[in-house]
């Protein structure tokens, strides 16, 4: 998107959500005076806290994030008025600007290209980790003398999957995940585990034996 900027009436402004897109514009531009500016995230009707800091160190790092909080603007400066903003911690075009954000790192990555999402997920939470979490959770429940609690690897796998899902599908309260209301119902939750079972696993979920911790 292009529009006039507050930096000057003749300064084109382009908005981008991702750093890689803004970086591509910078590298392909013929302009010798082009900047990337990070816009603060929107605060809606709430006042923004503006503790001014120098961002030079963060902006000049070689490893820059793929996503940032807020939006990016790319400014092709054509007005002398922008000279007042030179030392505000913005990127400036350089001769050897390089963004290797999407290069495949050396190692085992090529062996996993083409795998399904669940197969990649299992690289981080393999069966032995699920078994360990299940055993430690069951042990902690027994330490708390809850004789009615039981859990197996399938229960733990389902629990972790629903926790991940709740991270991007938000509802007003945890109980709403099992709601039967048309505007709140999420069938995958009640179809996977009961609310009481989910809450009991959440209550006892453990990764280590409290009675045998390393000093």
C-alpha atoms as a PDB file:
ATOM      1  CA  UNK A   1       0.000   0.000   0.000  1.00  0.00           C
ATOM      2  CA  UNK A   2       1.286   3.452  -0.873  1.00  0.00           C
ATOM      3  CA  UNK A   3       0.230   6.742   0.706  1.00  0.00           C
ATOM      4  CA  UNK A   4       1.648  10.120   1.668  1.00  0.00           C
ATOM      5  CA  UNK A   5       3.860  10.103   4.727  1.00  0.00           C
ATOM      6  CA  UNK A   6       4.153  12.466   7.655  1.00  0.00           C
ATOM      7  CA  UNK A   7       7.844  12.734   6.722  1.00  0.00           C
ATOM      8  CA  UNK A   8       6.929  14.895   3.772  1.00  0.00           C
ATOM      9  CA  UNK A   9       4.272  15.352   1.134  1.00  0.00           C
ATOM     10  CA  UNK A  10       6.553  13.999  -1.588  1.00  0.00           C
ATOM     11  CA  UNK A  11       7.689  10.934   0.329  1.00  0.00           C
ATOM     12  CA  UNK A  12       5.965   7.720  -0.815  1.00  0.00           C
ATOM     13  CA  UNK A  13       5.082   5.340   2.005  1.00  0.00           C
ATOM     14  CA  UNK A  14       4.558   1.588   1.691  1.00  0.00           C
ATOM     15  CA  UNK A  15       3.232  -0.662   4.495  1.00  0.00           C
ATOM     16  CA  UNK A  16       4.410  -4.226   5.004  1.00  0.00           C
ATOM     17  CA  UNK A  17       3.598  -6.842   7.630  1.00  0.00           C
ATOM     18  CA  UNK A  18       6.735  -8.936   7.223  1.00  0.00           C
ATOM     19  CA  UNK A  19      10.363  -7.882   7.353  1.00  0.00           C
ATOM     20  CA  UNK A  20      11.291 -10.056   4.387  1.00  0.00           C
ATOM     21  CA  UNK A  21       8.880  -8.110   2.136  1.00  0.00           C
ATOM     22  CA  UNK A  22      10.223  -4.725   3.218  1.00  0.00           C
ATOM     23  CA  UNK A  23      13.799  -5.973   2.856  1.00  0.00           C
ATOM     24  CA  UNK A  24      13.123  -7.103  -0.714  1.00  0.00           C
ATOM     25  CA  UNK A  25      11.884  -3.621  -1.622  1.00  0.00           C
ATOM     26  CA  UNK A  26      15.034  -2.067  -0.141  1.00  0.00           C
ATOM     27  CA  UNK A  27      17.398  -4.393  -1.994  1.00  0.00           C
ATOM     28  CA  UNK A  28      15.613  -3.910  -5.330  1.00  0.00           C
ATOM     29  CA  UNK A  29      15.236  -0.133  -5.063  1.00  0.00           C
ATOM     30  CA  UNK A  30      17.420   2.168  -7.146  1.00  0.00           C
ATOM     31  CA  UNK A  31      17.128   4.904  -4.558  1.00  0.00           C
ATOM     32  CA  UNK A  32      20.219   5.754  -2.535  1.00  0.00           C
ATOM     33  CA  UNK A  33      18.132   7.119   0.329  1.00  0.00           C
ATOM     34  CA  UNK A  34      15.592   4.554   1.462  1.00  0.00           C
ATOM     35  CA  UNK A  35      14.627   3.576   4.989  1.00  0.00           C
ATOM     36  CA  UNK A  36      12.718   0.849   6.803  1.00  0.00           C
ATOM     37  CA  UNK A  37      10.732   2.144   9.772  1.00  0.00           C
ATOM     38  CA  UNK A  38       9.092  -0.047  12.418  1.00  0.00           C
ATOM     39  CA  UNK A  39       5.662   1.251  13.353  1.00  0.00           C
ATOM     40  CA  UNK A  40       4.472   0.628  16.927  1.00  0.00           C
ATOM     41  CA  UNK A  41       1.583  -1.826  17.329  1.00  0.00           C
ATOM     42  CA  UNK A  42      -1.879  -0.319  17.492  1.00  0.00           C
ATOM     43  CA  UNK A  43      -3.168   0.287  21.018  1.00  0.00           C
ATOM     44  CA  UNK A  44      -6.804   0.840  20.043  1.00  0.00           C
ATOM     45  CA  UNK A  45      -8.471   3.186  22.503  1.00  0.00           C
ATOM     46  CA  UNK A  46      -5.812   2.602  25.137  1.00  0.00           C
ATOM     47  CA  UNK A  47      -2.982   5.115  25.666  1.00  0.00           C
ATOM     48  CA  UNK A  48       0.440   3.950  24.491  1.00  0.00           C
ATOM     49  CA  UNK A  49       3.386   3.828  26.851  1.00  0.00           C
ATOM     50  CA  UNK A  50       6.187   5.718  25.118  1.00  0.00           C
ATOM     51  CA  UNK A  51       9.468   5.218  26.928  1.00  0.00           C
ATOM     52  CA  UNK A  52      11.803   6.374  24.167  1.00  0.00           C
ATOM     53  CA  UNK A  53      14.796   4.119  23.625  1.00  0.00           C
ATOM     54  CA  UNK A  54      17.620   4.013  21.142  1.00  0.00           C
ATOM     55  CA  UNK A  55      16.996   1.095  18.789  1.00  0.00           C
ATOM     56  CA  UNK A  56      20.312   1.284  16.912  1.00  0.00           C
ATOM     57  CA  UNK A  57      21.685  -1.928  18.379  1.00  0.00           C
ATOM     58  CA  UNK A  58      18.553  -3.928  17.656  1.00  0.00           C
ATOM     59  CA  UNK A  59      18.155  -2.677  14.097  1.00  0.00           C
ATOM     60  CA  UNK A  60      21.747  -3.329  13.071  1.00  0.00           C
ATOM     61  CA  UNK A  61      21.881  -6.972  14.119  1.00  0.00           C
ATOM     62  CA  UNK A  62      22.677  -9.418  11.377  1.00  0.00           C
ATOM     63  CA  UNK A  63      19.907 -11.828  12.383  1.00  0.00           C
ATOM     64  CA  UNK A  64      16.666  -9.940  12.081  1.00  0.00           C
ATOM     65  CA  UNK A  65      13.204 -11.388  12.879  1.00  0.00           C
ATOM     66  CA  UNK A  66      10.894 -12.593  10.157  1.00  0.00           C
ATOM     67  CA  UNK A  67       7.949 -10.933  11.898  1.00  0.00           C
ATOM     68  CA  UNK A  68       7.778  -7.843  14.078  1.00  0.00           C
ATOM     69  CA  UNK A  69       5.216  -6.371  16.427  1.00  0.00           C
ATOM     70  CA  UNK A  70       3.331  -3.838  14.373  1.00  0.00           C
ATOM     71  CA  UNK A  71       3.864  -2.806  10.767  1.00  0.00           C
ATOM     72  CA  UNK A  72       6.789  -1.692   8.631  1.00  0.00           C
ATOM     73  CA  UNK A  73       7.010   1.334   6.381  1.00  0.00           C
ATOM     74  CA  UNK A  74       9.489   1.769   3.553  1.00  0.00           C
ATOM     75  CA  UNK A  75      10.322   5.420   2.856  1.00  0.00           C
ATOM     76  CA  UNK A  76      12.022   6.680  -0.296  1.00  0.00           C
ATOM     77  CA  UNK A  77      13.103  10.043   1.055  1.00  0.00           C
ATOM     78  CA  UNK A  78      12.680  12.953  -1.369  1.00  0.00           C
ATOM     79  CA  UNK A  79      12.237  15.775   1.114  1.00  0.00           C
ATOM     80  CA  UNK A  80      14.973  17.511   3.105  1.00  0.00           C
ATOM     81  CA  UNK A  81      12.677  17.459   6.115  1.00  0.00           C
ATOM     82  CA  UNK A  82      13.592  13.828   6.783  1.00  0.00           C
ATOM     83  CA  UNK A  83      17.150  14.818   7.668  1.00  0.00           C
ATOM     84  CA  UNK A  84      15.854  15.597  11.157  1.00  0.00           C
ATOM     85  CA  UNK A  85      15.145  11.895  11.648  1.00  0.00           C
ATOM     86  CA  UNK A  86      18.496  10.471  10.588  1.00  0.00           C
ATOM     87  CA  UNK A  87      19.572   9.389  14.059  1.00  0.00           C
ATOM     88  CA  UNK A  88      16.289   7.839  15.179  1.00  0.00           C
ATOM     89  CA  UNK A  89      17.437   4.239  14.818  1.00  0.00           C
ATOM     90  CA  UNK A  90      16.125   3.457  11.310  1.00  0.00           C
ATOM     91  CA  UNK A  91      17.668   1.171   8.716  1.00  0.00           C
ATOM     92  CA  UNK A  92      19.436   2.818   5.808  1.00  0.00           C
ATOM     93  CA  UNK A  93      20.426   1.301   2.517  1.00  0.00           C
ATOM     94  CA  UNK A  94      23.917  -0.174   2.376  1.00  0.00           C
ATOM     95  CA  UNK A  95      26.036  -1.421  -0.469  1.00  0.00           C
ATOM     96  CA  UNK A  96      26.261  -4.997   0.828  1.00  0.00           C
ATOM     97  CA  UNK A  97      22.779  -5.388   2.318  1.00  0.00           C
ATOM     98  CA  UNK A  98      21.955  -9.072   2.647  1.00  0.00           C
ATOM     99  CA  UNK A  99      18.925 -10.870   4.115  1.00  0.00           C
ATOM    100  CA  UNK A 100      19.368 -14.641   4.188  1.00  0.00           C
ATOM    101  CA  UNK A 101      16.135 -15.193   6.117  1.00  0.00           C
ATOM    102  CA  UNK A 102      14.918 -18.210   4.189  1.00  0.00           C
ATOM    103  CA  UNK A 103      18.102 -20.063   3.357  1.00  0.00           C
ATOM    104  CA  UNK A 104      18.083 -23.688   4.455  1.00  0.00           C
ATOM    105  CA  UNK A 105      20.607 -24.173   7.289  1.00  0.00           C
ATOM    106  CA  UNK A 106      23.191 -26.896   7.063  1.00  0.00           C
ATOM    107  CA  UNK A 107      22.435 -30.178   8.798  1.00  0.00           C
ATOM    108  CA  UNK A 108      19.499 -32.562   8.667  1.00  0.00           C
ATOM    109  CA  UNK A 109      16.922 -30.115   7.283  1.00  0.00           C
ATOM    110  CA  UNK A 110      16.966 -31.534   3.770  1.00  0.00           C
ATOM    111  CA  UNK A 111      16.070 -34.962   5.164  1.00  0.00           C
ATOM    112  CA  UNK A 112      12.807 -33.525   6.516  1.00  0.00           C
ATOM    113  CA  UNK A 113      11.727 -31.513   3.471  1.00  0.00           C
ATOM    114  CA  UNK A 114       8.342 -32.691   2.239  1.00  0.00           C
ATOM    115  CA  UNK A 115       7.243 -34.119   5.577  1.00  0.00           C
ATOM    116  CA  UNK A 116       3.740 -33.456   6.844  1.00  0.00           C
ATOM    117  CA  UNK A 117       3.133 -30.988   9.677  1.00  0.00           C
ATOM    118  CA  UNK A 118       2.459 -33.728  12.230  1.00  0.00           C
ATOM    119  CA  UNK A 119       5.703 -35.452  11.284  1.00  0.00           C
ATOM    120  CA  UNK A 120       7.595 -32.215  11.939  1.00  0.00           C
ATOM    121  CA  UNK A 121       5.713 -31.812  15.228  1.00  0.00           C
ATOM    122  CA  UNK A 122       6.871 -35.302  16.268  1.00  0.00           C
ATOM    123  CA  UNK A 123      10.490 -34.218  15.815  1.00  0.00           C
ATOM    124  CA  UNK A 124      10.016 -31.900  18.803  1.00  0.00           C
ATOM    125  CA  UNK A 125       7.720 -34.165  20.845  1.00  0.00           C
ATOM    126  CA  UNK A 126       8.716 -37.737  19.964  1.00  0.00           C
ATOM    127  CA  UNK A 127       7.142 -40.795  21.583  1.00  0.00           C
ATOM    128  CA  UNK A 128       9.807 -41.012  24.297  1.00  0.00           C
ATOM    129  CA  UNK A 129       9.027 -37.452  25.446  1.00  0.00           C
ATOM    130  CA  UNK A 130       5.290 -38.208  25.526  1.00  0.00           C
ATOM    131  CA  UNK A 131       6.001 -41.358  27.558  1.00  0.00           C
ATOM    132  CA  UNK A 132       8.181 -39.395  29.977  1.00  0.00           C
ATOM    133  CA  UNK A 133       5.547 -36.680  30.480  1.00  0.00           C
ATOM    134  CA  UNK A 134       2.872 -39.330  30.989  1.00  0.00           C
ATOM    135  CA  UNK A 135       4.914 -41.194  33.609  1.00  0.00           C
ATOM    136  CA  UNK A 136       5.848 -38.040  35.520  1.00  0.00           C
ATOM    137  CA  UNK A 137       2.270 -36.733  35.478  1.00  0.00           C
ATOM    138  CA  UNK A 138       0.940 -40.046  36.760  1.00  0.00           C
ATOM    139  CA  UNK A 139       3.634 -40.109  39.457  1.00  0.00           C
ATOM    140  CA  UNK A 140       2.771 -36.601  40.627  1.00  0.00           C
ATOM    141  CA  UNK A 141      -0.933 -37.474  40.850  1.00  0.00           C
ATOM    142  CA  UNK A 142      -0.074 -40.508  43.013  1.00  0.00           C
ATOM    143  CA  UNK A 143       2.142 -38.302  45.190  1.00  0.00           C
ATOM    144  CA  UNK A 144      -0.953 -36.131  45.717  1.00  0.00           C
ATOM    145  CA  UNK A 145      -2.886 -39.296  46.666  1.00  0.00           C
ATOM    146  CA  UNK A 146      -5.411 -38.949  43.839  1.00  0.00           C
ATOM    147  CA  UNK A 147      -6.420 -42.580  43.387  1.00  0.00           C
ATOM    148  CA  UNK A 148      -9.013 -41.780  40.735  1.00  0.00           C
ATOM    149  CA  UNK A 149      -6.543 -40.205  38.303  1.00  0.00           C
ATOM    150  CA  UNK A 150      -5.254 -42.209  35.357  1.00  0.00           C
ATOM    151  CA  UNK A 151      -3.423 -41.252  32.170  1.00  0.00           C
ATOM    152  CA  UNK A 152      -1.788 -42.939  29.193  1.00  0.00           C
ATOM    153  CA  UNK A 153       0.259 -41.729  26.222  1.00  0.00           C
ATOM    154  CA  UNK A 154      -2.833 -41.111  24.100  1.00  0.00           C
ATOM    155  CA  UNK A 155      -4.331 -38.914  26.823  1.00  0.00           C
ATOM    156  CA  UNK A 156      -1.119 -36.880  27.030  1.00  0.00           C
ATOM    157  CA  UNK A 157      -0.895 -36.505  23.246  1.00  0.00           C
ATOM    158  CA  UNK A 158      -4.504 -35.304  23.075  1.00  0.00           C
ATOM    159  CA  UNK A 159      -3.952 -32.912  25.977  1.00  0.00           C
ATOM    160  CA  UNK A 160      -0.899 -31.277  24.362  1.00  0.00           C
ATOM    161  CA  UNK A 161      -2.690 -31.000  21.031  1.00  0.00           C
ATOM    162  CA  UNK A 162      -5.622 -29.173  22.606  1.00  0.00           C
ATOM    163  CA  UNK A 163      -3.263 -26.869  24.493  1.00  0.00           C
ATOM    164  CA  UNK A 164      -1.642 -25.907  21.183  1.00  0.00           C
ATOM    165  CA  UNK A 165      -5.042 -25.397  19.561  1.00  0.00           C
ATOM    166  CA  UNK A 166      -6.169 -23.146  22.415  1.00  0.00           C
ATOM    167  CA  UNK A 167      -3.155 -20.951  21.708  1.00  0.00           C
ATOM    168  CA  UNK A 168      -4.624 -19.738  18.416  1.00  0.00           C
ATOM    169  CA  UNK A 169      -8.357 -20.355  18.991  1.00  0.00           C
ATOM    170  CA  UNK A 170      -9.266 -18.164  21.940  1.00  0.00           C
ATOM    171  CA  UNK A 171     -12.543 -18.138  23.855  1.00  0.00           C
ATOM    172  CA  UNK A 172     -13.552 -16.058  26.906  1.00  0.00           C
ATOM    173  CA  UNK A 173     -12.859 -18.836  29.436  1.00  0.00           C
ATOM    174  CA  UNK A 174     -11.472 -22.361  29.522  1.00  0.00           C
ATOM    175  CA  UNK A 175     -14.896 -23.874  30.176  1.00  0.00           C
ATOM    176  CA  UNK A 176     -16.148 -22.394  26.916  1.00  0.00           C
ATOM    177  CA  UNK A 177     -14.093 -24.919  24.957  1.00  0.00           C
ATOM    178  CA  UNK A 178     -16.713 -27.496  25.948  1.00  0.00           C
ATOM    179  CA  UNK A 179     -19.663 -25.165  25.391  1.00  0.00           C
ATOM    180  CA  UNK A 180     -22.627 -26.378  23.358  1.00  0.00           C
ATOM    181  CA  UNK A 181     -23.631 -22.816  22.455  1.00  0.00           C
ATOM    182  CA  UNK A 182     -23.744 -22.141  18.717  1.00  0.00           C
ATOM    183  CA  UNK A 183     -21.432 -19.142  19.001  1.00  0.00           C
ATOM    184  CA  UNK A 184     -18.818 -20.884  21.165  1.00  0.00           C
ATOM    185  CA  UNK A 185     -18.941 -24.589  20.362  1.00  0.00           C
ATOM    186  CA  UNK A 186     -15.611 -26.164  19.371  1.00  0.00           C
ATOM    187  CA  UNK A 187     -16.472 -29.833  18.700  1.00  0.00           C
ATOM    188  CA  UNK A 188     -12.866 -31.050  18.685  1.00  0.00           C
ATOM    189  CA  UNK A 189     -12.542 -30.431  22.441  1.00  0.00           C
ATOM    190  CA  UNK A 190     -15.505 -32.505  23.743  1.00  0.00           C
ATOM    191  CA  UNK A 191     -14.909 -35.077  21.001  1.00  0.00           C
ATOM    192  CA  UNK A 192     -11.312 -35.545  22.175  1.00  0.00           C
ATOM    193  CA  UNK A 193     -11.490 -35.431  25.964  1.00  0.00           C
ATOM    194  CA  UNK A 194     -13.962 -34.523  28.689  1.00  0.00           C
ATOM    195  CA  UNK A 195     -13.585 -31.208  30.483  1.00  0.00           C
ATOM    196  CA  UNK A 196     -12.920 -32.921  33.811  1.00  0.00           C
ATOM    197  CA  UNK A 197     -10.231 -35.150  32.287  1.00  0.00           C
ATOM    198  CA  UNK A 198      -8.519 -32.185  30.622  1.00  0.00           C
ATOM    199  CA  UNK A 199      -8.495 -30.183  33.847  1.00  0.00           C
ATOM    200  CA  UNK A 200      -7.134 -33.101  35.861  1.00  0.00           C
ATOM    201  CA  UNK A 201      -4.238 -33.585  33.403  1.00  0.00           C
ATOM    202  CA  UNK A 202      -3.576 -29.848  33.519  1.00  0.00           C
ATOM    203  CA  UNK A 203      -3.595 -29.992  37.327  1.00  0.00           C
ATOM    204  CA  UNK A 204      -1.036 -32.792  37.582  1.00  0.00           C
ATOM    205  CA  UNK A 205       1.031 -32.246  34.412  1.00  0.00           C
ATOM    206  CA  UNK A 206       4.686 -32.685  35.407  1.00  0.00           C
ATOM    207  CA  UNK A 207       8.049 -33.091  33.701  1.00  0.00           C
ATOM    208  CA  UNK A 208      10.217 -34.342  36.600  1.00  0.00           C
ATOM    209  CA  UNK A 209      10.018 -36.207  39.897  1.00  0.00           C
ATOM    210  CA  UNK A 210       9.876 -33.583  42.649  1.00  0.00           C
ATOM    211  CA  UNK A 211      11.376 -36.084  45.104  1.00  0.00           C
ATOM    212  CA  UNK A 212      14.388 -36.775  42.906  1.00  0.00           C
ATOM    213  CA  UNK A 213      15.509 -33.441  41.481  1.00  0.00           C
ATOM    214  CA  UNK A 214      19.141 -32.714  40.664  1.00  0.00           C
ATOM    215  CA  UNK A 215      20.710 -30.219  43.066  1.00  0.00           C
END
